[in-house]
Amino acid sequence: MIVAVKLPNKLNERVLTFPFLHALDELLQRVAAEDPEDDTYQIHLISIKDGIDVLNLLPFHAFYHELSEEDLKTVFTAHRASASLNLNNGVDVYISTTTSFVDASLGKNINSKNKVGFDLGKNKWLLNKRIPHPGTIHKSDEVFPLIKSITGVAGDISNVSARKVSELYADWSESPYLVIDLDLVNGEINPEWLELIELSVNKRFIFMCSELGEFLQKDKLQDYIATLPSKNTYKLFHYDSNIELAKLVSYSIAFVTKSADLMTVATYCGTTTFFINPGENLKLTGPKYFRGELKEYPFKNVQSFPYNSLFDDLIALVESKTPEER
């Protein structure tokens, strides 16, 4: 059986479909094992190019097909772009995990035998298997019932985690480190972080800044590190790959970020994550089925944010994970 799946465009929502994709892979393995005439299966994942590398964290084999946001502007642009997917023959089931009419049209464009998605609006013109949309619920719970298109029943959602990745630093166990995704205030690195650093002694910090453009990160972080007290060890991480990010955070004491996208990736990797939440509704987009522990700190503005509480919790955790000096 060959199954193609169109994933959401937003990175965090894409990762929140992973419990569904884990279940789909397990299901297709069982189907292939039970069918002596067809013991092979394929999963093809269709995603926009931005952040498509996050799919490499899935712990099973799949084929990846990228589109641009421009390709998905209209059904006409999507029709033209579908030829580049090389999926025009043999797809048994196409599944759209979104409510988008354009996404629904891809199943017809690639000549899938069965086209599956939510029973909403004009989508019924393009889909021959439709699942009632459950309304406003958690994103992982929203997409999971789509598996009924193959099984007839949805089943239960299991907790999942990313494949094991190699460590970024060979000495991570001897020299534990805390990863901080520094935020910006008026275009400059938030000065509040200096208090945490000054309260720490002989600790190892890895700094990144996902709010900065790719070409500004290195210079800005190098300049920042040059101003810090020498009683700790500092390194910078240039964020341009979700795989390298996974290697970094998977072996860290914890990860601190204000990015919903990176919080979702980190918790999928099993990382303890301190999320400075700028307004994300975690009841809808939190890491509900991921193994990483999430600690949330609601954020309205710099002036009212409880930095002392966050810093106290971070210091306590780092102290508990750092070997005592002899």
C-alpha atoms as a PDB file:
ATOM      1  CA  MET A   1       0.000   0.000   0.000  1.00  0.00           C
ATOM      2  CA  ILE A   2       1.268   3.447  -0.907  1.00  0.00           C
ATOM      3  CA  VAL A   3       0.042   6.342   1.226  1.00  0.00           C
ATOM      4  CA  ALA A   4       0.758  10.038   0.651  1.00  0.00           C
ATOM      5  CA  VAL A   5       0.135  12.596   3.401  1.00  0.00           C
ATOM      6  CA  LYS A   6       0.020  16.400   3.082  1.00  0.00           C
ATOM      7  CA  LEU A   7       1.310  17.918   6.324  1.00  0.00           C
ATOM      8  CA  PRO A   8       0.472  21.350   7.798  1.00  0.00           C
ATOM      9  CA  ASN A   9       2.558  24.327   6.732  1.00  0.00           C
ATOM     10  CA  LYS A  10       3.271  25.616  10.254  1.00  0.00           C
ATOM     11  CA  LEU A  11       6.253  23.837  11.782  1.00  0.00           C
ATOM     12  CA  ASN A  12       4.737  23.219  15.216  1.00  0.00           C
ATOM     13  CA  GLU A  13       1.474  21.911  13.727  1.00  0.00           C
ATOM     14  CA  ARG A  14       3.476  19.662  11.397  1.00  0.00           C
ATOM     15  CA  VAL A  15       5.301  18.113  14.351  1.00  0.00           C
ATOM     16  CA  LEU A  16       1.985  17.685  16.184  1.00  0.00           C
ATOM     17  CA  THR A  17       0.868  15.316  13.402  1.00  0.00           C
ATOM     18  CA  PHE A  18       3.718  12.966  14.303  1.00  0.00           C
ATOM     19  CA  PRO A  19       1.646  10.782  16.705  1.00  0.00           C
ATOM     20  CA  PHE A  20      -0.679  10.151  13.752  1.00  0.00           C
ATOM     21  CA  LEU A  21       2.283   9.370  11.476  1.00  0.00           C
ATOM     22  CA  HIS A  22       3.766   6.949  14.032  1.00  0.00           C
ATOM     23  CA  ALA A  23       0.423   5.139  14.180  1.00  0.00           C
ATOM     24  CA  LEU A  24       0.137   5.131  10.377  1.00  0.00           C
ATOM     25  CA  ASP A  25       3.563   3.511  10.004  1.00  0.00           C
ATOM     26  CA  GLU A  26       2.731   0.827  12.593  1.00  0.00           C
ATOM     27  CA  LEU A  27      -0.593   0.146  10.865  1.00  0.00           C
ATOM     28  CA  LEU A  28       0.967  -0.219   7.415  1.00  0.00           C
ATOM     29  CA  GLN A  29       3.609  -2.554   8.821  1.00  0.00           C
ATOM     30  CA  ARG A  30       0.828  -4.808  10.141  1.00  0.00           C
ATOM     31  CA  VAL A  31      -1.123  -4.652   6.876  1.00  0.00           C
ATOM     32  CA  ALA A  32       1.976  -5.577   4.882  1.00  0.00           C
ATOM     33  CA  ALA A  33       2.820  -8.444   7.240  1.00  0.00           C
ATOM     34  CA  GLU A  34      -0.701  -9.888   6.932  1.00  0.00           C
ATOM     35  CA  ASP A  35      -0.866  -9.700   3.131  1.00  0.00           C
ATOM     36  CA  PRO A  36       1.305 -12.390   1.490  1.00  0.00           C
ATOM     37  CA  GLU A  37       0.687 -10.886  -1.947  1.00  0.00           C
ATOM     38  CA  ASP A  38       1.801  -7.380  -0.996  1.00  0.00           C
ATOM     39  CA  ASP A  39       4.340  -7.264   1.826  1.00  0.00           C
ATOM     40  CA  THR A  40       5.630  -3.772   1.001  1.00  0.00           C
ATOM     41  CA  TYR A  41       4.358  -0.336   1.883  1.00  0.00           C
ATOM     42  CA  GLN A  42       5.431   3.256   1.371  1.00  0.00           C
ATOM     43  CA  ILE A  43       4.680   6.506   3.185  1.00  0.00           C
ATOM     44  CA  HIS A  44       5.168   9.710   1.205  1.00  0.00           C
ATOM     45  CA  LEU A  45       5.104  12.975   3.161  1.00  0.00           C
ATOM     46  CA  ILE A  46       4.332  16.218   1.345  1.00  0.00           C
ATOM     47  CA  SER A  47       5.506  19.377   3.103  1.00  0.00           C
ATOM     48  CA  ILE A  48       6.526  22.919   2.339  1.00  0.00           C
ATOM     49  CA  LYS A  49      10.284  23.337   2.078  1.00  0.00           C
ATOM     50  CA  ASP A  50      10.666  25.570   5.157  1.00  0.00           C
ATOM     51  CA  GLY A  51      11.518  23.242   8.049  1.00  0.00           C
ATOM     52  CA  ILE A  52      11.063  20.038   6.043  1.00  0.00           C
ATOM     53  CA  ASP A  53      14.229  18.658   7.660  1.00  0.00           C
ATOM     54  CA  VAL A  54      12.243  18.071  10.871  1.00  0.00           C
ATOM     55  CA  LEU A  55      10.748  15.014   9.153  1.00  0.00           C
ATOM     56  CA  ASN A  56      14.148  13.338   9.481  1.00  0.00           C
ATOM     57  CA  LEU A  57      13.452  13.031  13.216  1.00  0.00           C
ATOM     58  CA  LEU A  58      10.724  10.457  12.555  1.00  0.00           C
ATOM     59  CA  PRO A  59      11.974   7.003  13.597  1.00  0.00           C
ATOM     60  CA  PHE A  60      10.776   5.209  10.462  1.00  0.00           C
ATOM     61  CA  HIS A  61      11.439   5.338   6.745  1.00  0.00           C
ATOM     62  CA  ALA A  62       9.389   7.678   4.569  1.00  0.00           C
ATOM     63  CA  PHE A  63       9.785   9.573   1.308  1.00  0.00           C
ATOM     64  CA  TYR A  64       9.725  13.374   1.496  1.00  0.00           C
ATOM     65  CA  HIS A  65       8.364  15.711  -1.176  1.00  0.00           C
ATOM     66  CA  GLU A  66       8.722  19.462  -0.865  1.00  0.00           C
ATOM     67  CA  LEU A  67       6.584  22.292  -2.165  1.00  0.00           C
ATOM     68  CA  SER A  68       6.878  26.034  -1.673  1.00  0.00           C
ATOM     69  CA  GLU A  69       4.239  28.270  -0.136  1.00  0.00           C
ATOM     70  CA  GLU A  70       3.881  29.831  -3.581  1.00  0.00           C
ATOM     71  CA  ASP A  71       2.959  26.417  -4.978  1.00  0.00           C
ATOM     72  CA  LEU A  72       0.017  26.235  -2.581  1.00  0.00           C
ATOM     73  CA  LYS A  73      -1.478  29.670  -3.192  1.00  0.00           C
ATOM     74  CA  THR A  74      -4.331  28.407  -5.385  1.00  0.00           C
ATOM     75  CA  VAL A  75      -5.635  25.141  -6.834  1.00  0.00           C
ATOM     76  CA  PHE A  76      -4.085  26.200 -10.148  1.00  0.00           C
ATOM     77  CA  THR A  77      -0.576  26.706  -8.765  1.00  0.00           C
ATOM     78  CA  ALA A  78      -0.949  23.458  -6.809  1.00  0.00           C
ATOM     79  CA  HIS A  79      -1.994  21.594  -9.965  1.00  0.00           C
ATOM     80  CA  ARG A  80       1.120  22.761 -11.805  1.00  0.00           C
ATOM     81  CA  ALA A  81       3.405  22.024  -8.843  1.00  0.00           C
ATOM     82  CA  SER A  82       2.023  18.509  -8.324  1.00  0.00           C
ATOM     83  CA  ALA A  83       3.964  17.269 -11.346  1.00  0.00           C
ATOM     84  CA  SER A  84       7.210  17.866  -9.418  1.00  0.00           C
ATOM     85  CA  LEU A  85       6.104  15.460  -6.675  1.00  0.00           C
ATOM     86  CA  ASN A  86       6.554  12.431  -8.972  1.00  0.00           C
ATOM     87  CA  LEU A  87       3.539  10.754  -7.390  1.00  0.00           C
ATOM     88  CA  ASN A  88       1.262  10.472 -10.388  1.00  0.00           C
ATOM     89  CA  ASN A  89       1.045   6.681 -10.388  1.00  0.00           C
ATOM     90  CA  GLY A  90       0.336   4.098  -7.755  1.00  0.00           C
ATOM     91  CA  VAL A  91      -0.810   6.105  -4.725  1.00  0.00           C
ATOM     92  CA  ASP A  92      -3.521   4.094  -2.969  1.00  0.00           C
ATOM     93  CA  VAL A  93      -4.476   6.657  -0.325  1.00  0.00           C
ATOM     94  CA  TYR A  94      -3.912  10.406  -0.178  1.00  0.00           C
ATOM     95  CA  ILE A  95      -4.564  12.040   3.204  1.00  0.00           C
ATOM     96  CA  SER A  96      -4.817  15.786   3.790  1.00  0.00           C
ATOM     97  CA  THR A  97      -4.215  16.644   7.445  1.00  0.00           C
ATOM     98  CA  THR A  98      -5.472  20.225   7.010  1.00  0.00           C
ATOM     99  CA  THR A  99      -8.787  21.897   6.215  1.00  0.00           C
ATOM    100  CA  SER A 100      -7.321  23.608   3.134  1.00  0.00           C
ATOM    101  CA  PHE A 101      -9.170  23.238  -0.176  1.00  0.00           C
ATOM    102  CA  VAL A 102      -5.841  23.590  -1.998  1.00  0.00           C
ATOM    103  CA  ASP A 103      -4.338  20.758   0.052  1.00  0.00           C
ATOM    104  CA  ALA A 104      -7.383  18.602  -0.672  1.00  0.00           C
ATOM    105  CA  SER A 105      -6.883  19.186  -4.401  1.00  0.00           C
ATOM    106  CA  LEU A 106      -3.443  17.521  -4.346  1.00  0.00           C
ATOM    107  CA  GLY A 107      -5.024  14.068  -4.045  1.00  0.00           C
ATOM    108  CA  LYS A 108      -6.819  14.533  -7.353  1.00  0.00           C
ATOM    109  CA  ASN A 109      -3.703  15.996  -8.953  1.00  0.00           C
ATOM    110  CA  ILE A 110      -1.601  12.927  -8.153  1.00  0.00           C
ATOM    111  CA  ASN A 111      -4.370  10.529  -9.253  1.00  0.00           C
ATOM    112  CA  SER A 112      -4.689   8.861  -5.876  1.00  0.00           C
ATOM    113  CA  LYS A 113      -7.226   6.021  -5.785  1.00  0.00           C
ATOM    114  CA  ASN A 114      -8.634   7.229  -2.477  1.00  0.00           C
ATOM    115  CA  LYS A 115      -8.598  10.823  -1.328  1.00  0.00           C
ATOM    116  CA  VAL A 116      -9.117  11.387   2.391  1.00  0.00           C
ATOM    117  CA  GLY A 117      -9.666  14.496   4.476  1.00  0.00           C
ATOM    118  CA  PHE A 118     -12.097  16.478   6.579  1.00  0.00           C
ATOM    119  CA  ASP A 119     -15.714  16.832   5.523  1.00  0.00           C
ATOM    120  CA  LEU A 120     -15.713  20.610   5.304  1.00  0.00           C
ATOM    121  CA  GLY A 121     -16.949  23.092   2.686  1.00  0.00           C
ATOM    122  CA  LYS A 122     -15.850  22.506  -0.888  1.00  0.00           C
ATOM    123  CA  ASN A 123     -13.482  19.695   0.123  1.00  0.00           C
ATOM    124  CA  LYS A 124     -16.298  17.200  -0.507  1.00  0.00           C
ATOM    125  CA  TRP A 125     -15.880  17.880  -4.247  1.00  0.00           C
ATOM    126  CA  LEU A 126     -12.341  16.515  -4.115  1.00  0.00           C
ATOM    127  CA  LEU A 127     -12.414  13.820  -1.432  1.00  0.00           C
ATOM    128  CA  ASN A 128     -14.115  10.443  -1.758  1.00  0.00           C
ATOM    129  CA  LYS A 129     -13.480   9.498   1.879  1.00  0.00           C
ATOM    130  CA  ARG A 130     -14.363  12.174   4.387  1.00  0.00           C
ATOM    131  CA  ILE A 131     -14.041  12.305   8.164  1.00  0.00           C
ATOM    132  CA  PRO A 132     -16.201  14.715  10.211  1.00  0.00           C
ATOM    133  CA  HIS A 133     -14.072  17.540  11.514  1.00  0.00           C
ATOM    134  CA  PRO A 134     -14.000  17.333  15.342  1.00  0.00           C
ATOM    135  CA  GLY A 135     -14.043  21.104  15.887  1.00  0.00           C
ATOM    136  CA  THR A 136     -11.626  23.061  18.027  1.00  0.00           C
ATOM    137  CA  ILE A 137      -9.522  20.456  19.813  1.00  0.00           C
ATOM    138  CA  HIS A 138      -5.836  19.694  20.232  1.00  0.00           C
ATOM    139  CA  LYS A 139      -4.061  19.492  16.863  1.00  0.00           C
ATOM    140  CA  SER A 140      -2.808  15.939  17.475  1.00  0.00           C
ATOM    141  CA  ASP A 141      -6.309  14.789  18.395  1.00  0.00           C
ATOM    142  CA  GLU A 142      -7.750  16.619  15.382  1.00  0.00           C
ATOM    143  CA  VAL A 143      -5.773  14.701  12.754  1.00  0.00           C
ATOM    144  CA  PHE A 144      -5.631  11.287  14.407  1.00  0.00           C
ATOM    145  CA  PRO A 145      -9.134  10.115  13.324  1.00  0.00           C
ATOM    146  CA  LEU A 146      -7.968  10.331   9.686  1.00  0.00           C
ATOM    147  CA  ILE A 147      -6.406   6.919  10.226  1.00  0.00           C
ATOM    148  CA  LYS A 148      -9.946   5.533  10.123  1.00  0.00           C
ATOM    149  CA  SER A 149      -9.767   5.856   6.341  1.00  0.00           C
ATOM    150  CA  ILE A 150      -7.606   2.716   6.407  1.00  0.00           C
ATOM    151  CA  THR A 151      -8.599   0.897   9.589  1.00  0.00           C
ATOM    152  CA  GLY A 152     -12.261   1.784   9.987  1.00  0.00           C
ATOM    153  CA  VAL A 153     -11.528   2.768  13.606  1.00  0.00           C
ATOM    154  CA  ALA A 154      -9.310   5.464  15.085  1.00  0.00           C
ATOM    155  CA  GLY A 155      -7.877   3.615  18.077  1.00  0.00           C
ATOM    156  CA  ASP A 156      -5.858   5.270  20.828  1.00  0.00           C
ATOM    157  CA  ILE A 157      -3.041   7.779  20.492  1.00  0.00           C
ATOM    158  CA  SER A 158       0.269   6.728  22.010  1.00  0.00           C
ATOM    159  CA  ASN A 159       3.045   8.908  23.382  1.00  0.00           C
ATOM    160  CA  VAL A 160       5.864   9.156  20.860  1.00  0.00           C
ATOM    161  CA  SER A 161       9.399  10.481  20.568  1.00  0.00           C
ATOM    162  CA  ALA A 162      12.007  11.214  17.931  1.00  0.00           C
ATOM    163  CA  ARG A 163      14.618   8.798  16.700  1.00  0.00           C
ATOM    164  CA  LYS A 164      17.879   8.780  18.618  1.00  0.00           C
ATOM    165  CA  VAL A 165      20.340  11.312  17.267  1.00  0.00           C
ATOM    166  CA  SER A 166      24.076  11.571  17.873  1.00  0.00           C
ATOM    167  CA  GLU A 167      25.346  14.015  20.469  1.00  0.00           C
ATOM    168  CA  LEU A 168      26.691  17.374  19.371  1.00  0.00           C
ATOM    169  CA  TYR A 169      29.332  17.467  22.141  1.00  0.00           C
ATOM    170  CA  ALA A 170      31.287  14.337  23.079  1.00  0.00           C
ATOM    171  CA  ASP A 171      31.781  15.541  26.670  1.00  0.00           C
ATOM    172  CA  TRP A 172      28.102  16.258  27.359  1.00  0.00           C
ATOM    173  CA  SER A 173      27.908  13.764  30.253  1.00  0.00           C
ATOM    174  CA  GLU A 174      31.023  15.096  32.001  1.00  0.00           C
ATOM    175  CA  SER A 175      30.158  18.740  31.325  1.00  0.00           C
ATOM    176  CA  PRO A 176      26.368  19.119  31.315  1.00  0.00           C
ATOM    177  CA  TYR A 177      25.004  22.200  29.597  1.00  0.00           C
ATOM    178  CA  LEU A 178      21.913  24.395  29.523  1.00  0.00           C
ATOM    179  CA  VAL A 179      20.647  25.646  26.148  1.00  0.00           C
ATOM    180  CA  ILE A 180      19.071  29.116  26.086  1.00  0.00           C
ATOM    181  CA  ASP A 181      17.343  30.484  23.009  1.00  0.00           C
ATOM    182  CA  LEU A 182      17.893  34.139  23.837  1.00  0.00           C
ATOM    183  CA  ASP A 183      15.077  36.531  22.979  1.00  0.00           C
ATOM    184  CA  LEU A 184      15.371  40.095  21.739  1.00  0.00           C
ATOM    185  CA  VAL A 185      14.187  43.398  23.214  1.00  0.00           C
ATOM    186  CA  ASN A 186      14.252  46.339  20.811  1.00  0.00           C
ATOM    187  CA  GLY A 187      16.511  44.371  18.501  1.00  0.00           C
ATOM    188  CA  GLU A 188      19.068  43.558  21.213  1.00  0.00           C
ATOM    189  CA  ILE A 189      19.530  40.459  23.342  1.00  0.00           C
ATOM    190  CA  ASN A 190      17.295  40.684  26.384  1.00  0.00           C
ATOM    191  CA  PRO A 191      19.469  42.050  29.245  1.00  0.00           C
ATOM    192  CA  GLU A 192      17.474  40.125  31.862  1.00  0.00           C
ATOM    193  CA  TRP A 193      19.453  36.957  31.086  1.00  0.00           C
ATOM    194  CA  LEU A 194      22.554  38.512  32.605  1.00  0.00           C
ATOM    195  CA  GLU A 195      21.139  37.995  36.105  1.00  0.00           C
ATOM    196  CA  LEU A 196      20.905  34.227  35.589  1.00  0.00           C
ATOM    197  CA  ILE A 197      24.454  34.127  34.266  1.00  0.00           C
ATOM    198  CA  GLU A 198      25.844  36.205  37.138  1.00  0.00           C
ATOM    199  CA  LEU A 199      24.163  33.920  39.672  1.00  0.00           C
ATOM    200  CA  SER A 200      25.871  30.885  38.134  1.00  0.00           C
ATOM    201  CA  VAL A 201      29.412  29.659  38.743  1.00  0.00           C
ATOM    202  CA  ASN A 202      31.299  27.021  36.736  1.00  0.00           C
ATOM    203  CA  LYS A 203      28.261  26.269  34.618  1.00  0.00           C
ATOM    204  CA  ARG A 204      28.093  25.613  30.892  1.00  0.00           C
ATOM    205  CA  PHE A 205      25.737  27.652  28.736  1.00  0.00           C
ATOM    206  CA  ILE A 206      24.987  27.161  25.046  1.00  0.00           C
ATOM    207  CA  PHE A 207      23.388  30.273  23.540  1.00  0.00           C
ATOM    208  CA  MET A 208      21.343  30.559  20.386  1.00  0.00           C
ATOM    209  CA  CYS A 209      18.911  33.195  19.135  1.00  0.00           C
ATOM    210  CA  SER A 210      16.217  31.915  16.771  1.00  0.00           C
ATOM    211  CA  GLU A 211      14.693  35.408  16.545  1.00  0.00           C
ATOM    212  CA  LEU A 212      17.755  36.614  14.647  1.00  0.00           C
ATOM    213  CA  GLY A 213      18.150  36.056  10.928  1.00  0.00           C
ATOM    214  CA  GLU A 214      20.484  33.286   9.834  1.00  0.00           C
ATOM    215  CA  PHE A 215      23.333  35.646   8.925  1.00  0.00           C
ATOM    216  CA  LEU A 216      23.140  37.778  12.093  1.00  0.00           C
ATOM    217  CA  GLN A 217      23.177  35.018  14.703  1.00  0.00           C
ATOM    218  CA  LYS A 218      26.889  34.286  14.874  1.00  0.00           C
ATOM    219  CA  ASP A 219      28.172  37.856  15.083  1.00  0.00           C
ATOM    220  CA  LYS A 220      25.500  38.957  17.566  1.00  0.00           C
ATOM    221  CA  LEU A 221      26.092  36.007  19.870  1.00  0.00           C
ATOM    222  CA  GLN A 222      29.876  36.330  19.717  1.00  0.00           C
ATOM    223  CA  ASP A 223      29.603  39.977  20.722  1.00  0.00           C
ATOM    224  CA  TYR A 224      27.222  39.053  23.541  1.00  0.00           C
ATOM    225  CA  ILE A 225      29.438  36.274  24.920  1.00  0.00           C
ATOM    226  CA  ALA A 226      32.405  38.661  24.954  1.00  0.00           C
ATOM    227  CA  THR A 227      30.577  40.795  27.558  1.00  0.00           C
ATOM    228  CA  LEU A 228      29.842  37.949  29.998  1.00  0.00           C
ATOM    229  CA  PRO A 229      31.718  37.120  33.224  1.00  0.00           C
ATOM    230  CA  SER A 230      34.452  34.508  32.816  1.00  0.00           C
ATOM    231  CA  LYS A 231      33.318  32.342  35.749  1.00  0.00           C
ATOM    232  CA  ASN A 232      31.198  30.179  33.385  1.00  0.00           C
ATOM    233  CA  THR A 233      31.769  28.471  30.030  1.00  0.00           C
ATOM    234  CA  TYR A 234      29.861  29.737  26.987  1.00  0.00           C
ATOM    235  CA  LYS A 235      29.349  28.482  23.466  1.00  0.00           C
ATOM    236  CA  LEU A 236      27.107  29.646  20.667  1.00  0.00           C
ATOM    237  CA  PHE A 237      24.870  27.527  18.463  1.00  0.00           C
ATOM    238  CA  HIS A 238      24.015  28.748  14.986  1.00  0.00           C
ATOM    239  CA  TYR A 239      20.415  27.637  14.386  1.00  0.00           C
ATOM    240  CA  ASP A 240      19.816  26.718  10.761  1.00  0.00           C
ATOM    241  CA  SER A 241      18.872  23.047  11.036  1.00  0.00           C
ATOM    242  CA  ASN A 242      16.255  21.224  13.091  1.00  0.00           C
ATOM    243  CA  ILE A 243      18.403  18.087  13.036  1.00  0.00           C
ATOM    244  CA  GLU A 244      21.373  19.912  14.557  1.00  0.00           C
ATOM    245  CA  LEU A 245      19.004  21.494  17.074  1.00  0.00           C
ATOM    246  CA  ALA A 246      17.797  18.011  18.018  1.00  0.00           C
ATOM    247  CA  LYS A 247      21.387  16.864  18.518  1.00  0.00           C
ATOM    248  CA  LEU A 248      21.961  19.866  20.774  1.00  0.00           C
ATOM    249  CA  VAL A 249      18.860  19.724  22.976  1.00  0.00           C
ATOM    250  CA  SER A 250      18.571  15.929  23.231  1.00  0.00           C
ATOM    251  CA  TYR A 251      21.659  15.783  25.453  1.00  0.00           C
ATOM    252  CA  SER A 252      21.151  19.043  27.331  1.00  0.00           C
ATOM    253  CA  ILE A 253      20.056  19.570  30.914  1.00  0.00           C
ATOM    254  CA  ALA A 254      17.161  21.601  29.541  1.00  0.00           C
ATOM    255  CA  PHE A 255      16.170  23.950  26.746  1.00  0.00           C
ATOM    256  CA  VAL A 256      14.734  27.453  27.235  1.00  0.00           C
ATOM    257  CA  THR A 257      12.848  29.153  24.405  1.00  0.00           C
ATOM    258  CA  LYS A 258      10.061  31.563  23.487  1.00  0.00           C
ATOM    259  CA  SER A 259       9.492  29.838  20.141  1.00  0.00           C
ATOM    260  CA  ALA A 260       6.469  27.525  19.909  1.00  0.00           C
ATOM    261  CA  ASP A 261       8.061  25.774  16.931  1.00  0.00           C
ATOM    262  CA  LEU A 262      11.295  24.958  18.759  1.00  0.00           C
ATOM    263  CA  MET A 263       9.462  24.052  21.967  1.00  0.00           C
ATOM    264  CA  THR A 264       7.497  21.445  19.994  1.00  0.00           C
ATOM    265  CA  VAL A 265      10.621  20.016  18.339  1.00  0.00           C
ATOM    266  CA  ALA A 266      12.475  19.836  21.654  1.00  0.00           C
ATOM    267  CA  THR A 267       9.700  18.062  23.554  1.00  0.00           C
ATOM    268  CA  TYR A 268       9.365  15.557  20.692  1.00  0.00           C
ATOM    269  CA  CYS A 269      13.073  14.867  21.277  1.00  0.00           C
ATOM    270  CA  GLY A 270      12.302  14.146  24.937  1.00  0.00           C
ATOM    271  CA  THR A 271      13.944  17.314  26.247  1.00  0.00           C
ATOM    272  CA  THR A 272      12.912  19.126  29.417  1.00  0.00           C
ATOM    273  CA  THR A 273      11.774  22.453  27.985  1.00  0.00           C
ATOM    274  CA  PHE A 274      11.138  25.776  29.709  1.00  0.00           C
ATOM    275  CA  PHE A 275       8.676  27.594  27.462  1.00  0.00           C
ATOM    276  CA  ILE A 276       8.360  31.367  27.779  1.00  0.00           C
ATOM    277  CA  ASN A 277       4.874  31.403  26.325  1.00  0.00           C
ATOM    278  CA  PRO A 278       4.030  34.594  24.402  1.00  0.00           C
ATOM    279  CA  GLY A 279       0.379  33.586  23.999  1.00  0.00           C
ATOM    280  CA  GLU A 280       0.264  30.088  22.546  1.00  0.00           C
ATOM    281  CA  ASN A 281      -2.850  28.100  23.526  1.00  0.00           C
ATOM    282  CA  LEU A 282      -1.184  24.903  24.720  1.00  0.00           C
ATOM    283  CA  LYS A 283      -4.551  23.168  25.059  1.00  0.00           C
ATOM    284  CA  LEU A 284      -4.582  23.222  21.262  1.00  0.00           C
ATOM    285  CA  THR A 285      -0.908  23.191  20.316  1.00  0.00           C
ATOM    286  CA  GLY A 286       1.016  21.890  23.328  1.00  0.00           C
ATOM    287  CA  PRO A 287       3.190  18.744  23.219  1.00  0.00           C
ATOM    288  CA  LYS A 288       0.368  16.518  24.480  1.00  0.00           C
ATOM    289  CA  TYR A 289       1.793  13.191  23.293  1.00  0.00           C
ATOM    290  CA  PHE A 290       5.541  13.885  23.485  1.00  0.00           C
ATOM    291  CA  ARG A 291       7.878  12.527  26.144  1.00  0.00           C
ATOM    292  CA  GLY A 292       9.711  15.744  26.946  1.00  0.00           C
ATOM    293  CA  GLU A 293       8.646  17.547  30.117  1.00  0.00           C
ATOM    294  CA  LEU A 294       7.238  21.032  29.538  1.00  0.00           C
ATOM    295  CA  LYS A 295       7.425  23.886  32.038  1.00  0.00           C
ATOM    296  CA  GLU A 296       5.356  26.882  30.955  1.00  0.00           C
ATOM    297  CA  TYR A 297       5.958  30.517  31.899  1.00  0.00           C
ATOM    298  CA  PRO A 298       3.244  32.812  30.454  1.00  0.00           C
ATOM    299  CA  PHE A 299       4.672  35.977  28.942  1.00  0.00           C
ATOM    300  CA  LYS A 300       2.839  39.278  28.437  1.00  0.00           C
ATOM    301  CA  ASN A 301       5.724  41.737  28.423  1.00  0.00           C
ATOM    302  CA  VAL A 302       9.268  42.137  29.702  1.00  0.00           C
ATOM    303  CA  GLN A 303       8.218  44.388  32.572  1.00  0.00           C
ATOM    304  CA  SER A 304       5.762  41.923  34.133  1.00  0.00           C
ATOM    305  CA  PHE A 305       7.462  38.596  33.350  1.00  0.00           C
ATOM    306  CA  PRO A 306       8.558  36.635  36.467  1.00  0.00           C
ATOM    307  CA  TYR A 307      12.218  36.207  35.543  1.00  0.00           C
ATOM    308  CA  ASN A 308      13.142  35.472  39.168  1.00  0.00           C
ATOM    309  CA  SER A 309      10.854  32.449  39.256  1.00  0.00           C
ATOM    310  CA  LEU A 310      12.198  31.142  35.948  1.00  0.00           C
ATOM    311  CA  PHE A 311      15.808  31.687  37.004  1.00  0.00           C
ATOM    312  CA  ASP A 312      15.273  29.996  40.378  1.00  0.00           C
ATOM    313  CA  ASP A 313      13.833  26.924  38.647  1.00  0.00           C
ATOM    314  CA  LEU A 314      16.646  26.825  36.095  1.00  0.00           C
ATOM    315  CA  ILE A 315      19.383  27.187  38.711  1.00  0.00           C
ATOM    316  CA  ALA A 316      17.857  24.429  40.840  1.00  0.00           C
ATOM    317  CA  LEU A 317      17.680  22.065  37.877  1.00  0.00           C
ATOM    318  CA  VAL A 318      21.196  22.852  36.643  1.00  0.00           C
ATOM    319  CA  GLU A 319      22.648  22.389  40.135  1.00  0.00           C
ATOM    320  CA  SER A 320      20.930  18.989  40.438  1.00  0.00           C
ATOM    321  CA  LYS A 321      22.335  17.849  37.090  1.00  0.00           C
ATOM    322  CA  THR A 322      25.875  19.215  37.463  1.00  0.00           C
ATOM    323  CA  PRO A 323      28.523  16.937  39.049  1.00  0.00           C
ATOM    324  CA  GLU A 324      29.927  18.233  42.320  1.00  0.00           C
ATOM    325  CA  GLU A 325      33.473  19.517  42.121  1.00  0.00           C
ATOM    326  CA  ARG A 326      35.987  17.512  44.153  1.00  0.00           C
END
